[in-house]
Amino acid sequence: MTPEDTIALYKQVFTSDQGEQLLEDLGVRFCENSSTFSPDPHETAYREGQRTVVLFIKSMLRDRKQIEDMIDNE
């Protein structure tokens, strides 16, 4: 699967009405816009890992040029 195919799949899934609702739920559930801090550093790392997945999904929905630049820089 090419990077373009992958991007198209993310857009197909997460730009539908249901996909947008799901992505909103994931953002709330996994602290997209709030602190992931915990007194336990392992818990903080775990929560930050969950948050990173949501941020990655949203990054796949951004402008195609931004995504291509991200892929080129990996």
PDB file of N, CA and C in Angstrom:
ATOM      1  N   MET A   1       0.850  -1.176   0.000  1.00  0.00           N
ATOM      2  CA  MET A   1       0.000   0.000   0.000  1.00  0.00           C
ATOM      3  C   MET A   1       0.893   1.236   0.000  1.00  0.00           C
ATOM      4  N   THR A   2       0.581   2.164  -0.873  1.00  0.00           N
ATOM      5  CA  THR A   2       1.365   3.389  -0.968  1.00  0.00           C
ATOM      6  C   THR A   2       0.940   4.383   0.112  1.00  0.00           C
ATOM      7  N   PRO A   3       1.796   5.367   0.413  1.00  0.00           N
ATOM      8  CA  PRO A   3       1.394   6.400   1.370  1.00  0.00           C
ATOM      9  C   PRO A   3       0.110   7.117   0.943  1.00  0.00           C
ATOM     10  N   GLU A   4      -0.054   7.317  -0.340  1.00  0.00           N
ATOM     11  CA  GLU A   4      -1.265   7.973  -0.840  1.00  0.00           C
ATOM     12  C   GLU A   4      -2.507   7.131  -0.567  1.00  0.00           C
ATOM     13  N   ASP A   5      -2.379   5.802  -0.739  1.00  0.00           N
ATOM     14  CA  ASP A   5      -3.498   4.892  -0.441  1.00  0.00           C
ATOM     15  C   ASP A   5      -3.863   4.944   1.040  1.00  0.00           C
ATOM     16  N   THR A   6      -2.834   4.972   1.878  1.00  0.00           N
ATOM     17  CA  THR A   6      -3.061   5.026   3.317  1.00  0.00           C
ATOM     18  C   THR A   6      -3.769   6.313   3.703  1.00  0.00           C
ATOM     19  N   ILE A   7      -3.321   7.423   3.178  1.00  0.00           N
ATOM     20  CA  ILE A   7      -3.948   8.715   3.452  1.00  0.00           C
ATOM     21  C   ILE A   7      -5.406   8.699   3.011  1.00  0.00           C
ATOM     22  N   ALA A   8      -5.656   8.155   1.832  1.00  0.00           N
ATOM     23  CA  ALA A   8      -7.031   8.084   1.318  1.00  0.00           C
ATOM     24  C   ALA A   8      -7.923   7.258   2.232  1.00  0.00           C
ATOM     25  N   LEU A   9      -7.398   6.166   2.774  1.00  0.00           N
ATOM     26  CA  LEU A   9      -8.176   5.341   3.696  1.00  0.00           C
ATOM     27  C   LEU A   9      -8.520   6.096   4.978  1.00  0.00           C
ATOM     28  N   TYR A  10      -7.531   6.782   5.538  1.00  0.00           N
ATOM     29  CA  TYR A  10      -7.798   7.580   6.746  1.00  0.00           C
ATOM     30  C   TYR A  10      -8.884   8.605   6.464  1.00  0.00           C
ATOM     31  N   LYS A  11      -8.767   9.285   5.332  1.00  0.00           N
ATOM     32  CA  LYS A  11      -9.765  10.306   4.991  1.00  0.00           C
ATOM     33  C   LYS A  11     -11.139   9.690   4.783  1.00  0.00           C
ATOM     34  N   GLN A  12     -11.189   8.548   4.136  1.00  0.00           N
ATOM     35  CA  GLN A  12     -12.477   7.889   3.888  1.00  0.00           C
ATOM     36  C   GLN A  12     -13.154   7.532   5.206  1.00  0.00           C
ATOM     37  N   VAL A  13     -12.399   7.006   6.140  1.00  0.00           N
ATOM     38  CA  VAL A  13     -12.967   6.557   7.406  1.00  0.00           C
ATOM     39  C   VAL A  13     -13.313   7.727   8.325  1.00  0.00           C
ATOM     40  N   PHE A  14     -12.396   8.668   8.486  1.00  0.00           N
ATOM     41  CA  PHE A  14     -12.556   9.679   9.524  1.00  0.00           C
ATOM     42  C   PHE A  14     -13.194  10.985   9.064  1.00  0.00           C
ATOM     43  N   THR A  15     -13.557  11.101   7.786  1.00  0.00           N
ATOM     44  CA  THR A  15     -14.276  12.308   7.358  1.00  0.00           C
ATOM     45  C   THR A  15     -15.762  12.046   7.156  1.00  0.00           C
ATOM     46  N   SER A  16     -16.185  10.801   7.350  1.00  0.00           N
ATOM     47  CA  SER A  16     -17.623  10.519   7.335  1.00  0.00           C
ATOM     48  C   SER A  16     -18.229  11.067   8.625  1.00  0.00           C
ATOM     49  N   ASP A  17     -19.544  11.192   8.684  1.00  0.00           N
ATOM     50  CA  ASP A  17     -20.190  11.677   9.907  1.00  0.00           C
ATOM     51  C   ASP A  17     -19.840  10.787  11.099  1.00  0.00           C
ATOM     52  N   GLN A  18     -19.921   9.490  10.902  1.00  0.00           N
ATOM     53  CA  GLN A  18     -19.605   8.558  11.982  1.00  0.00           C
ATOM     54  C   GLN A  18     -18.126   8.641  12.370  1.00  0.00           C
ATOM     55  N   GLY A  19     -17.271   8.772  11.378  1.00  0.00           N
ATOM     56  CA  GLY A  19     -15.835   8.872  11.642  1.00  0.00           C
ATOM     57  C   GLY A  19     -15.484  10.121  12.418  1.00  0.00           C
ATOM     58  N   GLU A  20     -16.135  11.228  12.088  1.00  0.00           N
ATOM     59  CA  GLU A  20     -15.891  12.468  12.822  1.00  0.00           C
ATOM     60  C   GLU A  20     -16.345  12.336  14.269  1.00  0.00           C
ATOM     61  N   GLN A  21     -17.479  11.676  14.483  1.00  0.00           N
ATOM     62  CA  GLN A  21     -17.960  11.451  15.853  1.00  0.00           C
ATOM     63  C   GLN A  21     -16.993  10.550  16.621  1.00  0.00           C
ATOM     64  N   LEU A  22     -16.519   9.527  15.967  1.00  0.00           N
ATOM     65  CA  LEU A  22     -15.576   8.611  16.594  1.00  0.00           C
ATOM     66  C   LEU A  22     -14.272   9.334  16.944  1.00  0.00           C
ATOM     67  N   LEU A  23     -13.772  10.131  16.033  1.00  0.00           N
ATOM     68  CA  LEU A  23     -12.535  10.855  16.279  1.00  0.00           C
ATOM     69  C   LEU A  23     -12.701  11.850  17.422  1.00  0.00           C
ATOM     70  N   GLU A  24     -13.851  12.485  17.505  1.00  0.00           N
ATOM     71  CA  GLU A  24     -14.136  13.385  18.625  1.00  0.00           C
ATOM     72  C   GLU A  24     -14.108  12.609  19.942  1.00  0.00           C
ATOM     73  N   ASP A  25     -14.746  11.438  19.968  1.00  0.00           N
ATOM     74  CA  ASP A  25     -14.743  10.606  21.169  1.00  0.00           C
ATOM     75  C   ASP A  25     -13.320  10.184  21.542  1.00  0.00           C
ATOM     76  N   LEU A  26     -12.539   9.777  20.569  1.00  0.00           N
ATOM     77  CA  LEU A  26     -11.160   9.383  20.845  1.00  0.00           C
ATOM     78  C   LEU A  26     -10.359  10.549  21.424  1.00  0.00           C
ATOM     79  N   GLY A  27     -10.589  11.749  20.886  1.00  0.00           N
ATOM     80  CA  GLY A  27      -9.888  12.929  21.396  1.00  0.00           C
ATOM     81  C   GLY A  27     -10.208  13.207  22.851  1.00  0.00           C
ATOM     82  N   VAL A  28     -11.470  13.081  23.214  1.00  0.00           N
ATOM     83  CA  VAL A  28     -11.879  13.296  24.607  1.00  0.00           C
ATOM     84  C   VAL A  28     -11.356  12.161  25.491  1.00  0.00           C
ATOM     85  N   ARG A  29     -11.543  10.948  25.033  1.00  0.00           N
ATOM     86  CA  ARG A  29     -11.185   9.758  25.813  1.00  0.00           C
ATOM     87  C   ARG A  29      -9.681   9.669  26.081  1.00  0.00           C
ATOM     88  N   PHE A  30      -8.872  10.139  25.118  1.00  0.00           N
ATOM     89  CA  PHE A  30      -7.422   9.977  25.233  1.00  0.00           C
ATOM     90  C   PHE A  30      -6.684  11.307  25.333  1.00  0.00           C
ATOM     91  N   CYS A  31      -7.356  12.301  25.930  1.00  0.00           N
ATOM     92  CA  CYS A  31      -6.718  13.555  26.374  1.00  0.00           C
ATOM     93  C   CYS A  31      -6.034  14.344  25.260  1.00  0.00           C
ATOM     94  N   GLU A  32      -6.703  14.463  24.127  1.00  0.00           N
ATOM     95  CA  GLU A  32      -6.094  15.212  23.019  1.00  0.00           C
ATOM     96  C   GLU A  32      -5.753  16.643  23.431  1.00  0.00           C
ATOM     97  N   ASN A  33      -6.647  17.298  24.159  1.00  0.00           N
ATOM     98  CA  ASN A  33      -6.452  18.708  24.505  1.00  0.00           C
ATOM     99  C   ASN A  33      -6.338  18.943  26.001  1.00  0.00           C
ATOM    100  N   SER A  34      -5.901  17.931  26.728  1.00  0.00           N
ATOM    101  CA  SER A  34      -5.734  18.106  28.166  1.00  0.00           C
ATOM    102  C   SER A  34      -4.455  17.400  28.616  1.00  0.00           C
ATOM    103  N   SER A  35      -4.125  17.605  29.857  1.00  0.00           N
ATOM    104  CA  SER A  35      -2.887  17.054  30.401  1.00  0.00           C
ATOM    105  C   SER A  35      -2.955  15.536  30.509  1.00  0.00           C
ATOM    106  N   THR A  36      -1.826  14.900  30.251  1.00  0.00           N
ATOM    107  CA  THR A  36      -1.721  13.456  30.449  1.00  0.00           C
ATOM    108  C   THR A  36      -0.902  13.152  31.694  1.00  0.00           C
ATOM    109  N   PHE A  37      -0.605  14.182  32.488  1.00  0.00           N
ATOM    110  CA  PHE A  37       0.246  14.010  33.658  1.00  0.00           C
ATOM    111  C   PHE A  37      -0.371  13.073  34.696  1.00  0.00           C
ATOM    112  N   SER A  38       0.492  12.259  35.278  1.00  0.00           N
ATOM    113  CA  SER A  38       0.146  11.414  36.420  1.00  0.00           C
ATOM    114  C   SER A  38       1.385  11.397  37.323  1.00  0.00           C
ATOM    115  N   PRO A  39       1.209  11.272  38.616  1.00  0.00           N
ATOM    116  CA  PRO A  39       2.385  11.169  39.483  1.00  0.00           C
ATOM    117  C   PRO A  39       3.273   9.968  39.133  1.00  0.00           C
ATOM    118  N   ASP A  40       2.685   8.963  38.532  1.00  0.00           N
ATOM    119  CA  ASP A  40       3.427   7.781  38.088  1.00  0.00           C
ATOM    120  C   ASP A  40       3.948   8.040  36.673  1.00  0.00           C
ATOM    121  N   PRO A  41       5.262   8.139  36.478  1.00  0.00           N
ATOM    122  CA  PRO A  41       5.802   8.437  35.141  1.00  0.00           C
ATOM    123  C   PRO A  41       5.442   7.391  34.095  1.00  0.00           C
ATOM    124  N   HIS A  42       5.261   6.154  34.510  1.00  0.00           N
ATOM    125  CA  HIS A  42       4.870   5.110  33.556  1.00  0.00           C
ATOM    126  C   HIS A  42       3.443   5.349  33.058  1.00  0.00           C
ATOM    127  N   GLU A  43       2.568   5.778  33.954  1.00  0.00           N
ATOM    128  CA  GLU A  43       1.192   6.096  33.575  1.00  0.00           C
ATOM    129  C   GLU A  43       1.161   7.304  32.641  1.00  0.00           C
ATOM    130  N   THR A  44       1.996   8.305  32.925  1.00  0.00           N
ATOM    131  CA  THR A  44       2.077   9.468  32.048  1.00  0.00           C
ATOM    132  C   THR A  44       2.519   9.044  30.650  1.00  0.00           C
ATOM    133  N   ALA A  45       3.529   8.212  30.571  1.00  0.00           N
ATOM    134  CA  ALA A  45       4.013   7.738  29.267  1.00  0.00           C
ATOM    135  C   ALA A  45       2.932   6.948  28.532  1.00  0.00           C
ATOM    136  N   TYR A  46       2.206   6.118  29.253  1.00  0.00           N
ATOM    137  CA  TYR A  46       1.125   5.337  28.654  1.00  0.00           C
ATOM    138  C   TYR A  46       0.046   6.258  28.093  1.00  0.00           C
ATOM    139  N   ARG A  47      -0.368   7.238  28.891  1.00  0.00           N
ATOM    140  CA  ARG A  47      -1.402   8.174  28.449  1.00  0.00           C
ATOM    141  C   ARG A  47      -0.929   9.000  27.254  1.00  0.00           C
ATOM    142  N   GLU A  48       0.332   9.394  27.282  1.00  0.00           N
ATOM    143  CA  GLU A  48       0.863  10.187  26.172  1.00  0.00           C
ATOM    144  C   GLU A  48       0.916   9.347  24.898  1.00  0.00           C
ATOM    145  N   GLY A  49       1.164   8.064  25.023  1.00  0.00           N
ATOM    146  CA  GLY A  49       1.124   7.167  23.868  1.00  0.00           C
ATOM    147  C   GLY A  49      -0.265   7.094  23.268  1.00  0.00           C
ATOM    148  N   GLN A  50      -1.292   7.026  24.114  1.00  0.00           N
ATOM    149  CA  GLN A  50      -2.667   7.016  23.616  1.00  0.00           C
ATOM    150  C   GLN A  50      -2.970   8.329  22.893  1.00  0.00           C
ATOM    151  N   ARG A  51      -2.566   9.433  23.494  1.00  0.00           N
ATOM    152  CA  ARG A  51      -2.813  10.752  22.914  1.00  0.00           C
ATOM    153  C   ARG A  51      -2.127  10.881  21.550  1.00  0.00           C
ATOM    154  N   THR A  52      -0.931  10.327  21.441  1.00  0.00           N
ATOM    155  CA  THR A  52      -0.175  10.405  20.193  1.00  0.00           C
ATOM    156  C   THR A  52      -0.902   9.722  19.042  1.00  0.00           C
ATOM    157  N   VAL A  53      -1.608   8.642  19.330  1.00  0.00           N
ATOM    158  CA  VAL A  53      -2.369   7.952  18.284  1.00  0.00           C
ATOM    159  C   VAL A  53      -3.451   8.879  17.726  1.00  0.00           C
ATOM    160  N   VAL A  54      -4.170   9.566  18.598  1.00  0.00           N
ATOM    161  CA  VAL A  54      -5.213  10.500  18.155  1.00  0.00           C
ATOM    162  C   VAL A  54      -4.590  11.618  17.317  1.00  0.00           C
ATOM    163  N   LEU A  55      -3.473  12.147  17.775  1.00  0.00           N
ATOM    164  CA  LEU A  55      -2.806  13.216  17.029  1.00  0.00           C
ATOM    165  C   LEU A  55      -2.322  12.720  15.665  1.00  0.00           C
ATOM    166  N   PHE A  56      -1.861  11.480  15.606  1.00  0.00           N
ATOM    167  CA  PHE A  56      -1.427  10.923  14.331  1.00  0.00           C
ATOM    168  C   PHE A  56      -2.597  10.808  13.362  1.00  0.00           C
ATOM    169  N   ILE A  57      -3.726  10.297  13.840  1.00  0.00           N
ATOM    170  CA  ILE A  57      -4.905  10.174  12.974  1.00  0.00           C
ATOM    171  C   ILE A  57      -5.283  11.546  12.428  1.00  0.00           C
ATOM    172  N   LYS A  58      -5.312  12.548  13.294  1.00  0.00           N
ATOM    173  CA  LYS A  58      -5.663  13.893  12.837  1.00  0.00           C
ATOM    174  C   LYS A  58      -4.636  14.423  11.841  1.00  0.00           C
ATOM    175  N   SER A  59      -3.385  14.075  12.038  1.00  0.00           N
ATOM    176  CA  SER A  59      -2.361  14.534  11.091  1.00  0.00           C
ATOM    177  C   SER A  59      -2.572  13.922   9.714  1.00  0.00           C
ATOM    178  N   MET A  60      -3.126  12.723   9.663  1.00  0.00           N
ATOM    179  CA  MET A  60      -3.378  12.073   8.383  1.00  0.00           C
ATOM    180  C   MET A  60      -4.526  12.751   7.616  1.00  0.00           C
ATOM    181  N   LEU A  61      -5.317  13.542   8.308  1.00  0.00           N
ATOM    182  CA  LEU A  61      -6.453  14.219   7.674  1.00  0.00           C
ATOM    183  C   LEU A  61      -6.103  15.631   7.226  1.00  0.00           C
ATOM    184  N   ARG A  62      -4.906  16.082   7.541  1.00  0.00           N
ATOM    185  CA  ARG A  62      -4.485  17.434   7.170  1.00  0.00           C
ATOM    186  C   ARG A  62      -4.253  17.550   5.674  1.00  0.00           C
ATOM    187  N   ASP A  63      -3.931  18.731   5.287  1.00  0.00           N
ATOM    188  CA  ASP A  63      -3.611  19.048   3.898  1.00  0.00           C
ATOM    189  C   ASP A  63      -2.593  18.049   3.338  1.00  0.00           C
ATOM    190  N   ARG A  64      -2.838  17.573   2.138  1.00  0.00           N
ATOM    191  CA  ARG A  64      -1.999  16.553   1.492  1.00  0.00           C
ATOM    192  C   ARG A  64      -0.522  16.965   1.445  1.00  0.00           C
ATOM    193  N   LYS A  65      -0.231  18.222   1.169  1.00  0.00           N
ATOM    194  CA  LYS A  65       1.160  18.687   1.090  1.00  0.00           C
ATOM    195  C   LYS A  65       1.847  18.548   2.441  1.00  0.00           C
ATOM    196  N   GLN A  66       1.159  18.885   3.519  1.00  0.00           N
ATOM    197  CA  GLN A  66       1.727  18.728   4.848  1.00  0.00           C
ATOM    198  C   GLN A  66       2.070  17.271   5.112  1.00  0.00           C
ATOM    199  N   ILE A  67       1.201  16.387   4.722  1.00  0.00           N
ATOM    200  CA  ILE A  67       1.413  14.957   4.952  1.00  0.00           C
ATOM    201  C   ILE A  67       2.584  14.460   4.116  1.00  0.00           C
ATOM    202  N   GLU A  68       2.648  14.866   2.856  1.00  0.00           N
ATOM    203  CA  GLU A  68       3.755  14.443   2.014  1.00  0.00           C
ATOM    204  C   GLU A  68       5.090  14.923   2.583  1.00  0.00           C
ATOM    205  N   ASP A  69       5.094  16.151   3.109  1.00  0.00           N
ATOM    206  CA  ASP A  69       6.309  16.664   3.727  1.00  0.00           C
ATOM    207  C   ASP A  69       6.685  15.836   4.957  1.00  0.00           C
ATOM    208  N   MET A  70       5.691  15.434   5.759  1.00  0.00           N
ATOM    209  CA  MET A  70       5.949  14.602   6.932  1.00  0.00           C
ATOM    210  C   MET A  70       6.558  13.270   6.522  1.00  0.00           C
ATOM    211  N   ILE A  71       5.998  12.658   5.495  1.00  0.00           N
ATOM    212  CA  ILE A  71       6.486  11.354   5.033  1.00  0.00           C
ATOM    213  C   ILE A  71       7.913  11.483   4.530  1.00  0.00           C
ATOM    214  N   ASP A  72       8.190  12.552   3.787  1.00  0.00           N
ATOM    215  CA  ASP A  72       9.530  12.755   3.246  1.00  0.00           C
ATOM    216  C   ASP A  72      10.571  12.957   4.347  1.00  0.00           C
ATOM    217  N   ASN A  73      10.151  13.512   5.484  1.00  0.00           N
ATOM    218  CA  ASN A  73      11.079  13.814   6.571  1.00  0.00           C
ATOM    219  C   ASN A  73      11.296  12.655   7.534  1.00  0.00           C
ATOM    220  N   GLU A  74      10.623  11.538   7.328  1.00  0.00           N
ATOM    221  CA  GLU A  74      10.779  10.378   8.245  1.00  0.00           C
ATOM    222  C   GLU A  74      12.019   9.609   7.935  1.00  0.00           C
TER     223      GLU A  74
END
